[in-house]
Amino acid sequence: MRTAFLPAFLSVVLLTLLTACGSSKGVLSGDFTEYEGAFDGVAVELSYYSRLLEEPVVFGSGVVEEDTLKVDLSYDEKIPRWAYVSIRHPDPERVTLSGRSLIIERGTHYTLDVVDESDFLFRVESEGVYAHLFVRSKEVELEERELQEKLERLRQQAEIDRLSGSHPPDEDDSSSDTEREPSVHARVLDWENMNCTDYAGEYERSWRSRFFNPNLLEESEAINEARKQLDEFYEREYDQYVRTLLDSSTDPIEQLLLIERGFSIEEGELVQIFTELESELPDHVVEERVELPLTRFHRQQERRLAYEALKLGTLFPSVDVTLMDQSTTSLSSILQKNTVVLLDLWDNYCLTCLVGLERYRSFYPDFVDQGFEIVSLSIEDNQIDWIERSEELNFPWTNAHAPDGSDGQITKLLGVRYPRANYLLNSEGCILKRNLTPDELLDFLGARLGS
């Protein structure tokens, strides 16, 4: 007990002495003389978003003048926290906004350092006690940016090729001359004699399910390799780095800062560490930075349990949805009129969802007269935004809205927070399939309804 207590006690004493001996005013500065006025007019702000106040808190802001930046920071808390430096360039021809997370400490000097002038990439160095936790070398910063840009270039080109209807030839790809192999969902079964429980299947985990990347657009080997390289970089420079520091740390402040980043730390371990920190940190820190995350984790756990409960071969919960004419209808009433109904969640900003919905258009007319219906259920928070987007998309099937958006009763019942789920239901509400890609849905409809 004494061994564990002593380092924590010494760290608090050290921080108290540091803050007591120095000024509580910090400074954020930068010297850009070598760039000869290229950064004059650049606006810099350091802030964080307070979940307790539900609004941003600004510690200081300023503008680069005559190649010099100096911003006085008004951070008076004894416990450091994560903050964000946002940097805005006045020239519309340049990248207008960049940023960087950092650990802000009382009475500490921070220095902006240019990593790549042409791409407006900065890093922040600091003399603080805890600032070293996530300060990377210029070489590492440039490696990350290079990997990110490589992946983005390949993805943009793939999207351009898709929209133009062209696809660069692949010497090793002969798939263009062959038909797609049907999925397991194309099997014909004895539908009339099956009960709901006959559809029971293994639960498919949500967060890391392949449905989140359903490969609606075939991705090249080059894209997959670029993504792999970036993932390996993050694993090395973030996940393993945090894991090593956390395993050796006995300082509650350092532990708090590390888990607030949350890189590759299992939720159960995060909850355990947060719970232990409740007795080691000041009450006001516990209220904002321990109790709030714990509450959020518990809510996530409730959603996960709700999601896992909706297995194949179980009945979907009864929900009421809003239609475009602002009338309300029950999902059960739609189910009763059809043989098979796809409930597909979406919102205005989910590209994967929108691509999938467009794909449905190609075969929806083939099955609508045979008892198939789609209910595209938007969980957009702003109902007006949903209406405007729906008028633009003009879906030929039932288009509905979850009354309380992404954090309402429907999403809680389904255990989802983001529009990345679909459910294939029969007229009684039995879950036949879930999280099908468009091609898998087409296979099932061909087998179930005939084509």
Protein backbone atom coordinates (compact mmCIF):
# COMPACT_ATOMS: atom_id res chain seq x y z
CA MET A 1 0.00 0.00 0.00
CA ARG A 2 2.81 2.43 0.92
CA THR A 3 4.65 1.66 -2.34
CA ALA A 4 1.63 2.57 -4.47
CA PHE A 5 0.79 5.64 -2.39
CA LEU A 6 4.22 7.28 -2.33
CA PRO A 7 4.66 7.98 -6.10
CA ALA A 8 1.14 9.39 -6.33
CA PHE A 9 1.76 11.58 -3.27
CA LEU A 10 5.09 12.83 -4.63
CA SER A 11 3.56 13.67 -8.01
CA VAL A 12 0.89 15.83 -6.38
CA VAL A 13 3.50 17.53 -4.18
CA LEU A 14 5.71 18.18 -7.21
CA LEU A 15 2.86 19.70 -9.18
CA THR A 16 1.84 21.85 -6.22
CA LEU A 17 5.38 23.21 -5.82
CA LEU A 18 5.69 23.93 -9.52
CA THR A 19 2.47 25.87 -9.65
CA ALA A 20 3.11 27.67 -6.39
CA CYS A 21 6.59 28.86 -7.38
CA GLY A 22 5.72 30.12 -10.82
CA SER A 23 3.17 32.37 -12.43
CA SER A 24 -0.20 30.86 -13.28
CA LYS A 25 -0.02 32.56 -16.69
CA GLY A 26 1.24 30.44 -19.54
CA VAL A 27 2.46 31.61 -22.95
CA LEU A 28 2.04 30.21 -26.46
CA SER A 29 4.67 31.66 -28.81
CA GLY A 30 6.15 31.16 -32.26
CA ASP A 31 9.00 32.57 -34.33
CA PHE A 32 8.36 32.52 -38.10
CA THR A 33 11.14 34.86 -39.30
CA GLU A 34 12.58 32.25 -41.67
CA TYR A 35 9.30 32.30 -43.61
CA GLU A 36 9.45 36.08 -44.23
CA GLY A 37 5.90 37.09 -43.47
CA ALA A 38 4.23 33.96 -44.90
CA PHE A 39 2.37 33.42 -41.63
CA ASP A 40 1.46 37.00 -40.78
CA GLY A 41 -2.28 37.18 -40.10
CA VAL A 42 -2.56 33.55 -39.04
CA ALA A 43 -5.01 33.31 -36.12
CA VAL A 44 -4.24 30.95 -33.24
CA GLU A 45 -6.56 29.85 -30.43
CA LEU A 46 -6.12 27.39 -27.56
CA SER A 47 -9.28 25.91 -26.05
CA TYR A 48 -11.11 22.75 -25.01
CA TYR A 49 -14.73 21.64 -25.00
CA SER A 50 -16.16 21.29 -21.50
CA ARG A 51 -18.66 18.44 -21.25
CA LEU A 52 -19.60 19.79 -17.83
CA LEU A 53 -20.48 23.25 -19.17
CA GLU A 54 -21.43 21.91 -22.62
CA GLU A 55 -19.54 24.71 -24.32
CA PRO A 56 -15.98 25.54 -25.42
CA VAL A 57 -13.59 27.19 -22.97
CA VAL A 58 -10.93 29.45 -24.53
CA PHE A 59 -7.61 29.89 -22.72
CA GLY A 60 -6.12 32.41 -25.14
CA SER A 61 -5.99 33.61 -28.74
CA GLY A 62 -3.80 35.80 -30.92
CA VAL A 63 -2.52 36.58 -34.40
CA VAL A 64 0.94 36.26 -35.96
CA GLU A 65 2.31 39.76 -36.56
CA GLU A 66 5.71 40.53 -38.10
CA ASP A 67 6.68 36.84 -37.98
CA THR A 68 6.00 36.64 -34.24
CA LEU A 69 3.28 35.04 -32.14
CA LYS A 70 2.70 35.55 -28.45
CA VAL A 71 -0.51 34.46 -26.74
CA ASP A 72 -1.02 34.80 -22.99
CA LEU A 73 -2.85 31.79 -21.58
CA SER A 74 -5.26 32.00 -18.64
CA TYR A 75 -5.17 28.42 -17.40
CA ASP A 76 -5.24 28.36 -13.59
CA GLU A 77 -6.15 24.76 -12.81
CA LYS A 78 -3.60 22.71 -10.88
CA ILE A 79 -4.40 19.54 -12.79
CA PRO A 80 -3.37 19.62 -16.49
CA ARG A 81 -5.85 18.68 -19.20
CA TRP A 82 -6.04 18.05 -22.92
CA ALA A 83 -6.68 21.12 -25.05
CA TYR A 84 -6.62 21.98 -28.73
CA VAL A 85 -4.63 24.56 -30.67
CA SER A 86 -6.57 25.67 -33.75
CA ILE A 87 -4.68 27.61 -36.41
CA ARG A 88 -6.49 29.48 -39.17
CA HIS A 89 -4.76 30.98 -42.20
CA PRO A 90 -6.28 34.18 -43.67
CA ASP A 91 -5.37 33.25 -47.26
CA PRO A 92 -8.33 31.36 -48.82
CA GLU A 93 -5.92 29.73 -51.27
CA ARG A 94 -4.15 27.99 -48.39
CA VAL A 95 -5.37 25.27 -46.08
CA THR A 96 -7.51 27.47 -43.86
CA LEU A 97 -7.61 25.42 -40.69
CA SER A 98 -5.14 23.18 -38.93
CA GLY A 99 -4.85 22.04 -35.36
CA ARG A 100 -3.07 20.04 -32.74
CA SER A 101 -3.96 18.50 -29.39
CA LEU A 102 -1.70 19.25 -26.44
CA ILE A 103 -1.59 18.97 -22.66
CA ILE A 104 -2.07 22.39 -21.10
CA GLU A 105 -0.50 23.05 -17.71
CA ARG A 106 -0.52 26.04 -15.43
CA GLY A 107 2.26 28.58 -16.01
CA THR A 108 3.84 26.71 -18.94
CA HIS A 109 5.51 28.02 -22.11
CA TYR A 110 4.45 26.44 -25.44
CA THR A 111 6.17 26.91 -28.79
CA LEU A 112 4.61 26.44 -32.22
CA ASP A 113 7.00 24.75 -34.63
CA VAL A 114 6.38 24.46 -38.39
CA VAL A 115 6.73 20.92 -39.70
CA ASP A 116 5.64 21.48 -43.30
CA GLU A 117 5.14 25.08 -44.42
CA SER A 118 3.56 24.14 -47.75
CA ASP A 119 0.92 21.97 -46.09
CA PHE A 120 0.36 24.18 -43.04
CA LEU A 121 1.40 21.43 -40.61
CA PHE A 122 2.45 22.41 -37.08
CA ARG A 123 3.62 20.72 -33.91
CA VAL A 124 3.73 22.13 -30.36
CA GLU A 125 6.64 21.80 -27.96
CA SER A 126 6.38 22.52 -24.24
CA GLU A 127 8.40 22.82 -21.06
CA GLY A 128 5.58 21.33 -18.99
CA VAL A 129 5.85 18.40 -16.60
CA TYR A 130 3.34 16.26 -18.52
CA ALA A 131 3.53 17.76 -22.01
CA HIS A 132 6.08 15.16 -23.15
CA LEU A 133 3.40 12.44 -23.19
CA PHE A 134 2.39 13.16 -26.77
CA VAL A 135 5.13 15.28 -28.31
CA ARG A 136 6.35 13.64 -31.51
CA SER A 137 9.48 14.33 -33.52
CA LYS A 138 9.22 16.12 -36.85
CA GLU A 139 10.14 12.89 -38.63
CA VAL A 140 7.21 11.04 -37.06
CA GLU A 141 4.82 13.91 -37.79
CA LEU A 142 5.87 13.91 -41.46
CA GLU A 143 5.57 10.12 -41.69
CA GLU A 144 2.00 10.26 -40.40
CA ARG A 145 1.03 13.02 -42.81
CA GLU A 146 2.61 11.19 -45.76
CA LEU A 147 0.70 7.98 -44.98
CA GLN A 148 -2.58 9.87 -44.54
CA GLU A 149 -2.16 11.74 -47.81
CA LYS A 150 -1.25 8.58 -49.70
CA LEU A 151 -4.44 6.83 -48.59
CA GLU A 152 -6.57 9.89 -49.29
CA ARG A 153 -5.17 10.30 -52.81
CA LEU A 154 -5.94 6.69 -53.66
CA ARG A 155 -9.48 6.91 -52.25
CA GLN A 156 -10.21 10.16 -54.09
CA GLN A 157 -9.02 8.66 -57.36
CA ALA A 158 -11.18 5.59 -56.79
CA GLU A 159 -14.21 7.82 -56.21
CA ILE A 160 -13.43 9.82 -59.37
CA ASP A 161 -13.16 6.59 -61.34
CA ARG A 162 -16.49 5.38 -59.90
CA LEU A 163 -18.34 8.58 -60.74
CA SER A 164 -16.88 8.70 -64.25
CA GLY A 165 -17.76 5.07 -64.85
CA SER A 166 -14.15 4.13 -65.49
CA HIS A 167 -11.96 1.74 -63.60
CA PRO A 168 -8.22 1.38 -64.18
CA PRO A 169 -7.29 -2.07 -65.49
CA ASP A 170 -5.78 -4.53 -63.07
CA GLU A 171 -3.55 -7.18 -64.65
CA ASP A 172 -4.35 -9.62 -61.86
CA ASP A 173 -8.09 -8.96 -61.86
CA SER A 174 -10.23 -11.12 -64.09
CA SER A 175 -13.43 -10.51 -62.10
CA SER A 176 -14.82 -8.24 -64.81
CA ASP A 177 -15.31 -11.31 -67.03
CA THR A 178 -17.10 -13.39 -64.40
CA GLU A 179 -20.33 -13.03 -62.47
CA ARG A 180 -20.36 -12.41 -58.74
CA GLU A 181 -20.41 -15.55 -56.63
CA PRO A 182 -23.74 -15.69 -54.72
CA SER A 183 -23.49 -15.34 -50.95
CA VAL A 184 -24.87 -17.78 -48.37
CA HIS A 185 -28.00 -15.61 -48.26
CA ALA A 186 -28.99 -16.94 -51.70
CA ARG A 187 -30.01 -20.34 -50.30
CA VAL A 188 -33.62 -21.35 -50.88
CA LEU A 189 -35.26 -22.66 -47.70
CA ASP A 190 -38.64 -24.05 -46.70
CA TRP A 191 -39.96 -20.59 -45.83
CA GLU A 192 -43.58 -21.57 -45.22
CA ASN A 193 -42.71 -24.07 -42.51
CA MET A 194 -40.10 -22.02 -40.65
CA ASN A 195 -40.67 -20.42 -37.26
CA CYS A 196 -38.93 -17.27 -36.10
CA THR A 197 -36.42 -19.20 -34.00
CA ASP A 198 -35.38 -21.13 -37.11
CA TYR A 199 -33.60 -17.97 -38.27
CA ALA A 200 -31.47 -17.79 -35.14
CA GLY A 201 -27.81 -17.25 -35.96
CA GLU A 202 -24.57 -16.21 -34.41
CA TYR A 203 -24.45 -12.65 -33.12
CA GLU A 204 -22.41 -10.34 -35.30
CA ARG A 205 -20.36 -7.88 -33.24
CA SER A 206 -21.24 -4.30 -34.06
CA TRP A 207 -18.32 -1.91 -33.67
CA ARG A 208 -15.83 -3.97 -35.66
CA SER A 209 -18.32 -5.70 -37.93
CA ARG A 210 -17.49 -5.84 -41.61
CA PHE A 211 -20.83 -4.10 -42.13
CA PHE A 212 -19.10 -0.90 -41.11
CA ASN A 213 -16.94 -1.34 -44.19
CA PRO A 214 -19.29 -3.30 -46.45
CA ASN A 215 -17.06 -2.70 -49.48
CA LEU A 216 -19.91 -1.20 -51.47
CA LEU A 217 -17.17 0.13 -53.72
CA GLU A 218 -14.51 -2.43 -54.54
CA GLU A 219 -11.21 -1.18 -53.15
CA SER A 220 -7.93 -1.86 -54.89
CA GLU A 221 -4.98 -3.67 -53.41
CA ALA A 222 -3.16 -0.32 -53.35
CA ILE A 223 -5.85 1.21 -51.08
CA ASN A 224 -5.85 -1.80 -48.79
CA GLU A 225 -2.05 -1.71 -48.53
CA ALA A 226 -2.05 2.05 -47.82
CA ARG A 227 -4.66 1.58 -45.09
CA LYS A 228 -2.61 -1.28 -43.61
CA GLN A 229 0.51 0.90 -43.48
CA LEU A 230 -1.39 3.70 -41.73
CA ASP A 231 -2.94 1.25 -39.25
CA GLU A 232 0.50 -0.16 -38.45
CA PHE A 233 1.79 3.37 -37.85
CA TYR A 234 -1.05 4.13 -35.42
CA GLU A 235 -0.49 0.83 -33.66
CA ARG A 236 3.20 1.61 -33.20
CA GLU A 237 3.12 5.32 -32.43
CA TYR A 238 -0.10 5.53 -30.42
CA ASP A 239 -1.51 2.21 -29.21
CA GLN A 240 1.76 0.56 -28.16
CA TYR A 241 3.16 3.87 -26.93
CA VAL A 242 0.22 4.54 -24.60
CA ARG A 243 0.15 0.91 -23.50
CA THR A 244 3.82 1.07 -22.45
CA LEU A 245 3.41 4.32 -20.53
CA LEU A 246 0.22 3.20 -18.82
CA ASP A 247 1.72 -0.13 -17.70
CA SER A 248 4.62 1.64 -15.98
CA SER A 249 2.79 4.68 -14.57
CA THR A 250 1.99 5.14 -10.88
CA ASP A 251 1.07 8.82 -11.22
CA PRO A 252 -2.74 9.34 -11.13
CA ILE A 253 -2.48 12.57 -13.13
CA GLU A 254 -0.45 10.89 -15.84
CA GLN A 255 -2.85 7.93 -15.87
CA LEU A 256 -5.80 10.28 -16.28
CA LEU A 257 -4.19 12.06 -19.22
CA LEU A 258 -3.28 8.77 -20.89
CA ILE A 259 -6.71 7.16 -20.64
CA GLU A 260 -8.41 10.37 -21.75
CA ARG A 261 -6.74 9.73 -25.09
CA GLY A 262 -8.08 6.17 -24.93
CA PHE A 263 -5.93 4.64 -27.69
CA SER A 264 -6.57 0.88 -27.91
CA ILE A 265 -7.57 0.51 -24.27
CA GLU A 266 -10.38 -1.92 -23.62
CA GLU A 267 -13.52 -0.38 -22.19
CA GLY A 268 -13.43 -2.63 -19.13
CA GLU A 269 -9.91 -1.52 -18.28
CA LEU A 270 -10.82 2.13 -18.79
CA VAL A 271 -13.73 1.79 -16.37
CA GLN A 272 -11.47 0.10 -13.82
CA ILE A 273 -8.82 2.83 -13.99
CA PHE A 274 -11.40 5.62 -13.87
CA THR A 275 -12.96 3.99 -10.81
CA GLU A 276 -9.58 3.79 -9.06
CA LEU A 277 -8.86 7.44 -9.87
CA GLU A 278 -12.03 8.58 -8.07
CA SER A 279 -10.21 8.33 -4.72
CA GLU A 280 -6.92 9.81 -5.94
CA LEU A 281 -7.94 13.07 -7.61
CA PRO A 282 -9.59 16.29 -6.36
CA ASP A 283 -13.39 16.27 -6.23
CA HIS A 284 -13.85 18.88 -8.96
CA VAL A 285 -11.64 16.85 -11.33
CA VAL A 286 -13.50 13.65 -10.49
CA GLU A 287 -16.85 15.31 -11.20
CA GLU A 288 -15.93 16.45 -14.70
CA ARG A 289 -13.26 14.04 -15.89
CA VAL A 290 -14.03 10.78 -14.09
CA GLU A 291 -17.75 10.62 -13.31
CA LEU A 292 -18.86 11.94 -16.72
CA PRO A 293 -16.78 9.39 -18.69
CA LEU A 294 -17.98 6.61 -16.38
CA THR A 295 -21.58 7.63 -17.04
CA ARG A 296 -20.87 7.63 -20.78
CA PHE A 297 -19.28 4.17 -20.62
CA HIS A 298 -22.26 2.77 -18.73
CA ARG A 299 -24.62 4.18 -21.37
CA GLN A 300 -22.51 2.59 -24.10
CA GLN A 301 -22.70 -0.71 -22.27
CA GLU A 302 -26.49 -0.44 -22.11
CA ARG A 303 -26.62 0.20 -25.85
CA ARG A 304 -24.33 -2.72 -26.56
CA LEU A 305 -26.50 -5.07 -24.52
CA ALA A 306 -29.58 -3.79 -26.36
CA TYR A 307 -27.86 -4.35 -29.70
CA GLU A 308 -26.78 -7.85 -28.76
CA ALA A 309 -30.34 -8.71 -27.65
CA LEU A 310 -31.63 -8.15 -31.21
CA LYS A 311 -30.25 -11.43 -32.52
CA LEU A 312 -31.47 -13.28 -35.56
CA GLY A 313 -34.61 -15.21 -34.76
CA THR A 314 -35.91 -12.69 -32.19
CA LEU A 315 -38.76 -10.21 -32.49
CA PHE A 316 -37.99 -6.60 -33.32
CA PRO A 317 -39.33 -4.05 -30.78
CA SER A 318 -42.44 -2.05 -31.60
CA VAL A 319 -41.55 1.54 -32.57
CA ASP A 320 -43.41 4.54 -33.95
CA VAL A 321 -41.81 6.62 -36.69
CA THR A 322 -42.53 9.97 -38.37
CA LEU A 323 -43.30 10.11 -42.08
CA MET A 324 -42.61 12.92 -44.53
CA ASP A 325 -46.14 14.34 -44.15
CA GLN A 326 -45.45 14.56 -40.37
CA SER A 327 -47.90 11.79 -39.59
CA THR A 328 -46.88 9.00 -37.21
CA THR A 329 -47.12 5.31 -37.98
CA SER A 330 -46.01 2.12 -36.30
CA LEU A 331 -43.41 -0.13 -37.85
CA SER A 332 -45.69 -3.11 -37.15
CA SER A 333 -48.38 -1.67 -39.42
CA ILE A 334 -45.86 -1.51 -42.28
CA LEU A 335 -44.67 -5.05 -41.58
CA GLN A 336 -48.19 -6.47 -41.66
CA LYS A 337 -48.69 -5.22 -45.21
CA ASN A 338 -45.53 -6.89 -46.57
CA THR A 339 -43.73 -10.21 -46.64
CA VAL A 340 -40.20 -8.87 -46.13
CA VAL A 341 -39.21 -5.39 -44.91
CA LEU A 342 -35.70 -3.92 -44.75
CA LEU A 343 -35.30 -1.36 -41.96
CA ASP A 344 -32.20 0.62 -42.92
CA LEU A 345 -30.76 3.38 -40.70
CA TRP A 346 -29.15 6.44 -42.24
CA ASP A 347 -28.46 10.14 -41.78
CA ASN A 348 -27.35 13.01 -44.01
CA TYR A 349 -23.64 12.51 -43.38
CA CYS A 350 -23.23 8.74 -43.64
CA LEU A 351 -21.66 8.20 -47.08
CA THR A 352 -21.75 4.41 -46.75
CA CYS A 353 -25.47 4.59 -45.95
CA LEU A 354 -26.24 6.83 -48.94
CA VAL A 355 -24.26 4.66 -51.35
CA GLY A 356 -26.17 1.62 -50.08
CA LEU A 357 -29.54 3.35 -50.46
CA GLU A 358 -28.69 4.28 -54.04
CA ARG A 359 -27.78 0.65 -54.72
CA TYR A 360 -31.24 -0.45 -53.49
CA ARG A 361 -32.84 1.62 -56.25
CA SER A 362 -31.47 -0.77 -58.88
CA PHE A 363 -33.47 -3.77 -57.64
CA TYR A 364 -36.27 -2.38 -55.45
CA PRO A 365 -38.74 -2.23 -58.39
CA ASP A 366 -38.13 -5.95 -59.08
CA PHE A 367 -39.47 -7.02 -55.69
CA VAL A 368 -41.84 -4.31 -54.47
CA ASP A 369 -44.88 -6.06 -56.06
CA GLN A 370 -43.87 -9.36 -54.50
CA GLY A 371 -44.14 -8.20 -50.90
CA PHE A 372 -40.84 -6.37 -50.35
CA GLU A 373 -40.62 -2.92 -48.78
CA ILE A 374 -37.81 -0.71 -47.51
CA VAL A 375 -38.12 1.64 -44.56
CA SER A 376 -35.20 4.04 -44.64
CA LEU A 377 -35.17 5.31 -41.06
CA SER A 378 -33.23 8.54 -40.59
CA ILE A 379 -31.73 9.22 -37.17
CA GLU A 380 -30.78 12.77 -38.19
CA ASP A 381 -30.99 15.02 -35.13
CA ASN A 382 -32.49 17.94 -37.04
CA GLN A 383 -35.81 16.95 -38.62
CA ILE A 384 -35.73 19.87 -41.05
CA ASP A 385 -32.36 18.68 -42.37
CA TRP A 386 -33.87 15.21 -42.86
CA ILE A 387 -36.85 16.62 -44.79
CA GLU A 388 -34.66 18.74 -47.06
CA ARG A 389 -32.28 15.87 -47.80
CA SER A 390 -35.18 13.46 -48.37
CA GLU A 391 -36.81 15.80 -50.88
CA GLU A 392 -33.52 15.85 -52.76
CA LEU A 393 -33.08 12.05 -52.70
CA ASN A 394 -36.77 11.27 -53.38
CA PHE A 395 -36.77 7.65 -52.21
CA PRO A 396 -39.40 5.43 -53.91
CA TRP A 397 -40.00 3.46 -50.69
CA THR A 398 -41.17 4.38 -47.17
CA ASN A 399 -38.95 7.12 -45.78
CA ALA A 400 -39.24 7.77 -42.04
CA HIS A 401 -37.57 9.64 -39.21
CA ALA A 402 -36.78 8.59 -35.64
CA PRO A 403 -38.60 11.34 -33.66
CA ASP A 404 -35.77 12.00 -31.19
CA GLY A 405 -32.87 11.62 -33.61
CA SER A 406 -29.64 9.81 -32.83
CA ASP A 407 -30.05 9.87 -29.05
CA GLY A 408 -33.72 9.05 -28.71
CA GLN A 409 -35.86 6.14 -27.61
CA ILE A 410 -35.58 4.24 -30.90
CA THR A 411 -31.76 4.27 -31.02
CA LYS A 412 -31.67 3.22 -27.37
CA LEU A 413 -33.98 0.29 -28.09
CA LEU A 414 -31.78 -0.73 -31.03
CA GLY A 415 -28.56 -0.10 -29.14
CA VAL A 416 -27.12 2.10 -31.89
CA ARG A 417 -25.76 5.62 -31.87
CA TYR A 418 -24.67 5.88 -35.50
CA PRO A 419 -26.55 4.95 -38.69
CA ARG A 420 -24.66 1.78 -39.46
CA ALA A 421 -27.22 -0.99 -39.10
CA ASN A 422 -30.04 -2.62 -41.00
CA TYR A 423 -32.57 -5.32 -40.15
CA LEU A 424 -34.49 -7.61 -42.48
CA LEU A 425 -37.88 -8.42 -40.92
CA ASN A 426 -40.89 -10.53 -41.83
CA SER A 427 -44.53 -9.53 -41.38
CA GLU A 428 -44.50 -10.60 -37.71
CA GLY A 429 -41.37 -8.59 -36.93
CA CYS A 430 -39.00 -11.56 -36.77
CA ILE A 431 -35.38 -10.62 -37.47
CA LEU A 432 -34.45 -12.75 -40.48
CA LYS A 433 -31.11 -11.08 -41.27
CA ARG A 434 -29.14 -8.07 -40.09
CA ASN A 435 -26.43 -5.84 -41.49
CA LEU A 436 -26.65 -7.17 -45.05
CA THR A 437 -24.74 -5.50 -47.85
CA PRO A 438 -26.86 -4.59 -50.90
CA ASP A 439 -25.58 -7.63 -52.83
CA GLU A 440 -26.40 -9.95 -49.92
CA LEU A 441 -29.88 -8.42 -49.70
CA LEU A 442 -30.36 -9.01 -53.42
CA ASP A 443 -29.33 -12.66 -52.97
CA PHE A 444 -31.85 -13.15 -50.18
CA LEU A 445 -34.69 -11.48 -52.04
CA GLY A 446 -34.03 -13.60 -55.10
CA ALA A 447 -34.21 -16.74 -53.00
CA ARG A 448 -37.14 -15.70 -50.81
CA LEU A 449 -39.38 -13.87 -53.28
CA GLY A 450 -38.09 -15.22 -56.59
CA SER A 451 -36.79 -13.21 -59.50
